[in-house]
Amino acid sequence: MGIIISGFSNIGKSSLSKFKDLNYIDFDTHFFRKEEGWEKMYVECLLALSSKYDYVFITTHGVMLERLNELGIEYYLVYPKRELKDEYKNRAISRNSSEEFVNGFFSRWDEHISDCEKNTFAKKIVLESGEYLSDVIDKIV
């Protein structure tokens, strides 16, 4: 079974494509309508994908992580230090994220980080300034 990594926005999940020998999928939630129970279907798909890929990158969406916790499914949570808000906002802007996303996501930065910090189930990796997922992926084995 592959390793599930819940990755914070702008940690560099998409840029891992430069590692040709890395067998992974970035399983975004935008494929799912956020109707009641959507997280159950997402987890079913996630588990199916984890049998085909070494790494499955998923959202840090609270309801999703709660579902994984309920089911006892192990995963890593990768997120930045709280004080890196400006760095991550600049990352989002430089990758042409929409103004709507940038304004919405970063207005709730502290809430997002607090949710990660409060998670007691996941194995956590907290990124330092200038670090990306590619810098810590070898710690996840």
N, C-alpha and C. Protein backbone atom coordinates (compact mmCIF):
# COMPACT_ATOMS: atom_id res chain seq x y z
N MET A 1 0.84 -1.19 0.00
CA MET A 1 0.00 0.00 0.00
C MET A 1 0.88 1.24 0.00
N GLY A 2 0.48 2.23 -0.78
CA GLY A 2 1.26 3.46 -0.88
C GLY A 2 1.11 4.33 0.35
N ILE A 3 1.98 5.30 0.44
CA ILE A 3 1.99 6.24 1.56
C ILE A 3 1.09 7.41 1.22
N ILE A 4 0.22 7.76 2.16
CA ILE A 4 -0.70 8.87 1.98
C ILE A 4 -0.09 10.11 2.63
N ILE A 5 -0.03 11.18 1.85
CA ILE A 5 0.54 12.44 2.34
C ILE A 5 -0.49 13.54 2.15
N SER A 6 -0.93 14.09 3.27
CA SER A 6 -1.82 15.23 3.24
C SER A 6 -0.93 16.47 3.17
N GLY A 7 -0.98 17.14 2.04
CA GLY A 7 -0.06 18.25 1.82
C GLY A 7 -0.74 19.59 1.74
N PHE A 8 -0.25 20.51 2.51
CA PHE A 8 -0.72 21.90 2.55
C PHE A 8 -0.56 22.54 1.18
N SER A 9 -1.37 23.51 0.90
CA SER A 9 -1.29 24.23 -0.37
C SER A 9 0.09 24.88 -0.55
N ASN A 10 0.62 24.78 -1.76
CA ASN A 10 1.87 25.42 -2.17
C ASN A 10 3.13 24.82 -1.55
N ILE A 11 3.08 23.54 -1.15
CA ILE A 11 4.29 22.91 -0.64
C ILE A 11 5.12 22.29 -1.76
N GLY A 12 4.56 22.26 -2.97
CA GLY A 12 5.30 21.74 -4.11
C GLY A 12 4.91 20.35 -4.55
N LYS A 13 3.68 19.94 -4.31
CA LYS A 13 3.22 18.62 -4.76
C LYS A 13 3.30 18.51 -6.27
N SER A 14 2.83 19.52 -6.96
CA SER A 14 2.79 19.50 -8.43
C SER A 14 4.17 19.47 -9.05
N SER A 15 5.14 20.07 -8.40
CA SER A 15 6.48 20.15 -8.99
C SER A 15 7.28 18.87 -8.82
N LEU A 16 6.71 17.88 -8.17
CA LEU A 16 7.42 16.61 -8.02
C LEU A 16 7.54 15.83 -9.33
N SER A 17 6.88 16.31 -10.37
CA SER A 17 6.94 15.62 -11.66
C SER A 17 8.36 15.56 -12.22
N LYS A 18 9.25 16.39 -11.70
CA LYS A 18 10.65 16.34 -12.17
C LYS A 18 11.37 15.08 -11.68
N PHE A 19 10.79 14.41 -10.68
CA PHE A 19 11.35 13.15 -10.19
C PHE A 19 10.70 12.01 -10.96
N LYS A 20 11.32 11.58 -12.03
CA LYS A 20 10.74 10.60 -12.94
C LYS A 20 10.54 9.23 -12.27
N ASP A 21 11.35 8.90 -11.28
CA ASP A 21 11.25 7.59 -10.65
C ASP A 21 10.26 7.57 -9.49
N LEU A 22 9.59 8.68 -9.24
CA LEU A 22 8.65 8.77 -8.14
C LEU A 22 7.26 8.41 -8.66
N ASN A 23 6.69 7.33 -8.14
CA ASN A 23 5.38 6.85 -8.56
C ASN A 23 4.32 7.45 -7.63
N TYR A 24 3.68 8.56 -8.07
CA TYR A 24 2.74 9.26 -7.21
C TYR A 24 1.56 9.81 -8.00
N ILE A 25 0.53 10.18 -7.25
CA ILE A 25 -0.61 10.89 -7.83
C ILE A 25 -1.03 11.98 -6.85
N ASP A 26 -1.37 13.13 -7.39
CA ASP A 26 -1.89 14.24 -6.60
C ASP A 26 -3.41 14.18 -6.75
N PHE A 27 -4.07 13.61 -5.75
CA PHE A 27 -5.50 13.32 -5.80
C PHE A 27 -6.30 14.48 -5.22
N ASP A 28 -6.62 15.42 -6.09
CA ASP A 28 -7.29 16.66 -5.70
C ASP A 28 -8.78 16.43 -5.43
N THR A 29 -9.33 17.19 -4.52
CA THR A 29 -10.75 17.04 -4.18
C THR A 29 -11.67 17.76 -5.17
N HIS A 30 -11.12 18.51 -6.10
CA HIS A 30 -11.99 19.26 -7.01
C HIS A 30 -12.78 18.34 -7.94
N PHE A 31 -12.44 17.06 -7.97
CA PHE A 31 -13.18 16.09 -8.77
C PHE A 31 -14.49 15.67 -8.09
N PHE A 32 -14.69 16.09 -6.85
CA PHE A 32 -15.83 15.64 -6.06
C PHE A 32 -16.75 16.81 -5.71
N ARG A 33 -18.03 16.57 -5.83
CA ARG A 33 -19.01 17.53 -5.33
C ARG A 33 -19.04 17.41 -3.82
N LYS A 34 -18.99 18.53 -3.16
CA LYS A 34 -18.93 18.53 -1.70
C LYS A 34 -20.33 18.37 -1.11
N GLU A 35 -20.95 17.25 -1.45
CA GLU A 35 -22.26 16.92 -0.90
C GLU A 35 -22.06 16.04 0.32
N GLU A 36 -23.10 15.89 1.11
CA GLU A 36 -23.01 15.07 2.31
C GLU A 36 -22.47 13.68 1.97
N GLY A 37 -21.44 13.27 2.70
CA GLY A 37 -20.85 11.95 2.51
C GLY A 37 -19.78 11.87 1.44
N TRP A 38 -19.42 12.99 0.83
CA TRP A 38 -18.43 12.96 -0.25
C TRP A 38 -17.10 12.40 0.22
N GLU A 39 -16.77 12.65 1.49
CA GLU A 39 -15.47 12.20 2.01
C GLU A 39 -15.38 10.67 2.05
N LYS A 40 -16.50 9.99 2.18
CA LYS A 40 -16.49 8.51 2.18
C LYS A 40 -16.09 7.98 0.81
N MET A 41 -16.65 8.56 -0.23
CA MET A 41 -16.30 8.15 -1.59
C MET A 41 -14.85 8.51 -1.89
N TYR A 42 -14.43 9.69 -1.45
CA TYR A 42 -13.06 10.13 -1.66
C TYR A 42 -12.09 9.12 -1.04
N VAL A 43 -12.36 8.69 0.18
CA VAL A 43 -11.47 7.75 0.87
C VAL A 43 -11.46 6.40 0.15
N GLU A 44 -12.60 5.95 -0.34
CA GLU A 44 -12.63 4.70 -1.11
C GLU A 44 -11.71 4.79 -2.32
N CYS A 45 -11.82 5.90 -3.04
CA CYS A 45 -10.96 6.11 -4.21
C CYS A 45 -9.49 6.22 -3.79
N LEU A 46 -9.26 6.93 -2.70
CA LEU A 46 -7.91 7.10 -2.17
C LEU A 46 -7.26 5.75 -1.87
N LEU A 47 -8.00 4.87 -1.22
CA LEU A 47 -7.45 3.56 -0.88
C LEU A 47 -7.17 2.73 -2.13
N ALA A 48 -8.04 2.83 -3.12
CA ALA A 48 -7.80 2.13 -4.39
C ALA A 48 -6.53 2.66 -5.06
N LEU A 49 -6.37 3.97 -5.06
CA LEU A 49 -5.17 4.57 -5.66
C LEU A 49 -3.91 4.21 -4.89
N SER A 50 -4.02 4.09 -3.58
CA SER A 50 -2.82 3.78 -2.79
C SER A 50 -2.31 2.37 -3.04
N SER A 51 -3.12 1.53 -3.68
CA SER A 51 -2.62 0.20 -4.04
C SER A 51 -1.86 0.23 -5.37
N LYS A 52 -1.96 1.35 -6.09
CA LYS A 52 -1.31 1.48 -7.40
C LYS A 52 -0.13 2.45 -7.40
N TYR A 53 -0.07 3.33 -6.41
CA TYR A 53 0.97 4.35 -6.36
C TYR A 53 1.76 4.23 -5.07
N ASP A 54 3.03 4.63 -5.13
CA ASP A 54 3.86 4.64 -3.92
C ASP A 54 3.46 5.77 -2.98
N TYR A 55 3.03 6.90 -3.56
CA TYR A 55 2.62 8.06 -2.79
C TYR A 55 1.30 8.58 -3.36
N VAL A 56 0.37 8.90 -2.47
CA VAL A 56 -0.87 9.56 -2.87
C VAL A 56 -0.96 10.85 -2.07
N PHE A 57 -0.95 11.98 -2.78
CA PHE A 57 -1.02 13.28 -2.14
C PHE A 57 -2.48 13.71 -2.09
N ILE A 58 -2.91 14.14 -0.91
CA ILE A 58 -4.30 14.52 -0.71
C ILE A 58 -4.39 15.89 -0.05
N THR A 59 -5.60 16.35 0.08
CA THR A 59 -5.91 17.63 0.68
C THR A 59 -5.64 17.64 2.19
N THR A 60 -5.63 18.83 2.75
CA THR A 60 -5.60 18.96 4.21
C THR A 60 -6.99 19.34 4.72
N HIS A 61 -7.98 19.18 3.87
CA HIS A 61 -9.37 19.51 4.20
C HIS A 61 -9.78 18.78 5.47
N GLY A 62 -10.28 19.52 6.46
CA GLY A 62 -10.58 18.98 7.79
C GLY A 62 -11.45 17.74 7.80
N VAL A 63 -12.56 17.76 7.04
CA VAL A 63 -13.47 16.62 7.04
C VAL A 63 -12.79 15.37 6.49
N MET A 64 -11.87 15.57 5.55
CA MET A 64 -11.16 14.43 4.98
C MET A 64 -10.22 13.80 6.01
N LEU A 65 -9.48 14.63 6.70
CA LEU A 65 -8.54 14.10 7.70
C LEU A 65 -9.29 13.46 8.87
N GLU A 66 -10.43 14.03 9.23
CA GLU A 66 -11.25 13.41 10.28
C GLU A 66 -11.68 12.01 9.87
N ARG A 67 -12.05 11.85 8.60
CA ARG A 67 -12.46 10.52 8.11
C ARG A 67 -11.31 9.54 8.17
N LEU A 68 -10.12 9.96 7.76
CA LEU A 68 -8.95 9.08 7.84
C LEU A 68 -8.67 8.71 9.29
N ASN A 69 -8.78 9.68 10.19
CA ASN A 69 -8.57 9.42 11.61
C ASN A 69 -9.57 8.39 12.13
N GLU A 70 -10.85 8.56 11.78
CA GLU A 70 -11.91 7.64 12.21
C GLU A 70 -11.62 6.21 11.78
N LEU A 71 -11.09 6.06 10.57
CA LEU A 71 -10.83 4.74 10.01
C LEU A 71 -9.47 4.17 10.42
N GLY A 72 -8.67 4.99 11.11
CA GLY A 72 -7.36 4.53 11.54
C GLY A 72 -6.36 4.38 10.40
N ILE A 73 -6.56 5.15 9.35
CA ILE A 73 -5.65 5.09 8.19
C ILE A 73 -4.48 6.03 8.43
N GLU A 74 -3.28 5.48 8.38
CA GLU A 74 -2.08 6.28 8.64
C GLU A 74 -1.78 7.21 7.47
N TYR A 75 -1.30 8.39 7.81
CA TYR A 75 -0.90 9.35 6.78
C TYR A 75 0.07 10.35 7.39
N TYR A 76 0.77 11.02 6.51
CA TYR A 76 1.66 12.12 6.88
C TYR A 76 0.94 13.43 6.62
N LEU A 77 1.24 14.42 7.43
CA LEU A 77 0.71 15.76 7.25
C LEU A 77 1.92 16.69 7.08
N VAL A 78 2.01 17.31 5.90
CA VAL A 78 3.13 18.20 5.61
C VAL A 78 2.60 19.62 5.46
N TYR A 79 3.12 20.50 6.29
CA TYR A 79 2.64 21.88 6.29
C TYR A 79 3.77 22.81 6.74
N PRO A 80 3.64 24.11 6.43
CA PRO A 80 4.71 25.07 6.78
C PRO A 80 4.57 25.61 8.20
N LYS A 81 5.64 26.19 8.69
CA LYS A 81 5.59 26.91 9.96
C LYS A 81 4.62 28.08 9.81
N ARG A 82 3.98 28.40 10.90
CA ARG A 82 2.98 29.48 10.92
C ARG A 82 3.53 30.81 10.38
N GLU A 83 4.77 31.13 10.73
CA GLU A 83 5.32 32.44 10.36
C GLU A 83 5.69 32.57 8.87
N LEU A 84 5.41 31.56 8.08
CA LEU A 84 5.77 31.59 6.66
C LEU A 84 4.63 32.02 5.75
N LYS A 85 3.64 32.69 6.30
CA LYS A 85 2.47 33.11 5.53
C LYS A 85 2.85 33.90 4.28
N ASP A 86 3.70 34.92 4.43
CA ASP A 86 4.08 35.74 3.27
C ASP A 86 4.79 34.93 2.20
N GLU A 87 5.68 34.03 2.62
CA GLU A 87 6.39 33.18 1.66
C GLU A 87 5.40 32.32 0.87
N TYR A 88 4.43 31.75 1.56
CA TYR A 88 3.47 30.88 0.88
C TYR A 88 2.48 31.66 0.03
N LYS A 89 2.17 32.85 0.45
CA LYS A 89 1.31 33.72 -0.37
C LYS A 89 2.04 34.07 -1.67
N ASN A 90 3.32 34.38 -1.57
CA ASN A 90 4.11 34.67 -2.77
C ASN A 90 4.22 33.46 -3.68
N ARG A 91 4.32 32.27 -3.09
CA ARG A 91 4.34 31.04 -3.91
C ARG A 91 3.03 30.91 -4.69
N ALA A 92 1.92 31.16 -4.01
CA ALA A 92 0.61 31.04 -4.66
C ALA A 92 0.48 32.05 -5.79
N ILE A 93 0.92 33.26 -5.55
CA ILE A 93 0.83 34.31 -6.57
C ILE A 93 1.73 33.97 -7.76
N SER A 94 2.95 33.49 -7.48
CA SER A 94 3.89 33.19 -8.57
C SER A 94 3.46 31.98 -9.41
N ARG A 95 2.60 31.13 -8.86
CA ARG A 95 2.11 30.01 -9.68
C ARG A 95 0.74 30.33 -10.27
N ASN A 96 0.42 31.62 -10.27
CA ASN A 96 -0.80 32.14 -10.90
C ASN A 96 -2.09 31.62 -10.30
N SER A 97 -2.10 31.43 -8.99
CA SER A 97 -3.35 31.08 -8.32
C SER A 97 -4.31 32.25 -8.45
N SER A 98 -5.58 31.96 -8.49
CA SER A 98 -6.57 33.02 -8.66
C SER A 98 -6.56 33.97 -7.47
N GLU A 99 -6.95 35.20 -7.74
CA GLU A 99 -7.03 36.20 -6.66
C GLU A 99 -8.03 35.74 -5.60
N GLU A 100 -9.11 35.10 -6.05
CA GLU A 100 -10.12 34.59 -5.13
C GLU A 100 -9.51 33.56 -4.17
N PHE A 101 -8.71 32.63 -4.73
CA PHE A 101 -8.06 31.63 -3.88
C PHE A 101 -7.10 32.30 -2.91
N VAL A 102 -6.23 33.16 -3.43
CA VAL A 102 -5.21 33.80 -2.59
C VAL A 102 -5.87 34.57 -1.44
N ASN A 103 -6.86 35.38 -1.77
CA ASN A 103 -7.52 36.17 -0.72
C ASN A 103 -8.24 35.28 0.29
N GLY A 104 -8.96 34.28 -0.20
CA GLY A 104 -9.71 33.40 0.69
C GLY A 104 -8.83 32.54 1.56
N PHE A 105 -7.86 31.87 0.94
CA PHE A 105 -7.00 30.94 1.68
C PHE A 105 -6.15 31.67 2.71
N PHE A 106 -5.54 32.76 2.31
CA PHE A 106 -4.61 33.43 3.21
C PHE A 106 -5.29 34.30 4.26
N SER A 107 -6.58 34.59 4.07
CA SER A 107 -7.32 35.27 5.13
C SER A 107 -7.62 34.30 6.28
N ARG A 108 -7.52 33.00 6.00
CA ARG A 108 -7.76 31.98 7.02
C ARG A 108 -6.48 31.19 7.34
N TRP A 109 -5.34 31.77 7.06
CA TRP A 109 -4.05 31.12 7.26
C TRP A 109 -3.90 30.54 8.66
N ASP A 110 -4.12 31.37 9.68
CA ASP A 110 -3.92 30.91 11.06
C ASP A 110 -4.85 29.75 11.39
N GLU A 111 -6.06 29.78 10.89
CA GLU A 111 -7.01 28.69 11.11
C GLU A 111 -6.49 27.40 10.46
N HIS A 112 -5.99 27.51 9.22
CA HIS A 112 -5.45 26.33 8.53
C HIS A 112 -4.26 25.73 9.29
N ILE A 113 -3.36 26.60 9.71
CA ILE A 113 -2.18 26.12 10.44
C ILE A 113 -2.59 25.51 11.78
N SER A 114 -3.52 26.14 12.48
CA SER A 114 -4.00 25.61 13.76
C SER A 114 -4.61 24.23 13.59
N ASP A 115 -5.36 24.03 12.51
CA ASP A 115 -5.94 22.71 12.25
C ASP A 115 -4.84 21.66 12.10
N CYS A 116 -3.77 22.01 11.41
CA CYS A 116 -2.65 21.08 11.25
C CYS A 116 -1.97 20.81 12.59
N GLU A 117 -1.75 21.86 13.35
CA GLU A 117 -1.08 21.72 14.64
C GLU A 117 -1.89 20.88 15.62
N LYS A 118 -3.21 20.99 15.57
CA LYS A 118 -4.09 20.26 16.50
C LYS A 118 -4.23 18.78 16.15
N ASN A 119 -3.89 18.42 14.92
CA ASN A 119 -4.04 17.03 14.48
C ASN A 119 -3.08 16.15 15.29
N THR A 120 -3.63 15.20 16.01
CA THR A 120 -2.80 14.32 16.85
C THR A 120 -2.64 12.94 16.26
N PHE A 121 -3.25 12.68 15.12
CA PHE A 121 -3.21 11.35 14.53
C PHE A 121 -2.08 11.21 13.51
N ALA A 122 -1.89 12.24 12.70
CA ALA A 122 -0.94 12.18 11.59
C ALA A 122 0.51 12.20 12.06
N LYS A 123 1.37 11.66 11.20
CA LYS A 123 2.81 11.86 11.37
C LYS A 123 3.09 13.19 10.68
N LYS A 124 3.71 14.12 11.39
CA LYS A 124 3.84 15.48 10.87
C LYS A 124 5.26 15.81 10.42
N ILE A 125 5.31 16.60 9.36
CA ILE A 125 6.55 17.21 8.90
C ILE A 125 6.25 18.69 8.70
N VAL A 126 6.94 19.54 9.43
CA VAL A 126 6.73 20.98 9.35
C VAL A 126 7.86 21.58 8.53
N LEU A 127 7.48 22.25 7.46
CA LEU A 127 8.47 22.81 6.54
C LEU A 127 9.03 24.13 7.05
N GLU A 128 10.33 24.29 6.85
CA GLU A 128 11.03 25.53 7.18
C GLU A 128 10.97 26.46 5.98
N SER A 129 11.42 27.67 6.14
CA SER A 129 11.48 28.63 5.05
C SER A 129 12.32 28.06 3.90
N GLY A 130 11.80 28.19 2.69
CA GLY A 130 12.51 27.73 1.51
C GLY A 130 12.39 26.23 1.23
N GLU A 131 11.80 25.49 2.13
CA GLU A 131 11.65 24.04 1.93
C GLU A 131 10.39 23.73 1.15
N TYR A 132 10.49 22.63 0.39
CA TYR A 132 9.38 22.11 -0.38
C TYR A 132 9.23 20.63 -0.06
N LEU A 133 8.16 20.04 -0.52
CA LEU A 133 7.94 18.61 -0.33
C LEU A 133 9.12 17.80 -0.86
N SER A 134 9.68 18.22 -1.97
CA SER A 134 10.81 17.50 -2.56
C SER A 134 12.03 17.46 -1.63
N ASP A 135 12.13 18.41 -0.72
CA ASP A 135 13.24 18.45 0.23
C ASP A 135 13.07 17.45 1.37
N VAL A 136 11.84 17.02 1.61
CA VAL A 136 11.59 16.14 2.76
C VAL A 136 11.00 14.78 2.37
N ILE A 137 10.78 14.56 1.08
CA ILE A 137 10.13 13.33 0.64
C ILE A 137 10.93 12.09 1.05
N ASP A 138 12.24 12.23 1.13
CA ASP A 138 13.07 11.08 1.53
C ASP A 138 12.89 10.73 3.01
N LYS A 139 12.30 11.62 3.82
CA LYS A 139 12.00 11.32 5.22
C LYS A 139 10.73 10.48 5.35
N ILE A 140 10.00 10.40 4.26
CA ILE A 140 8.71 9.70 4.24
C ILE A 140 8.87 8.38 3.52
N VAL A 141 9.19 7.36 4.27
CA VAL A 141 9.39 6.04 3.67
C VAL A 141 8.77 4.96 4.50
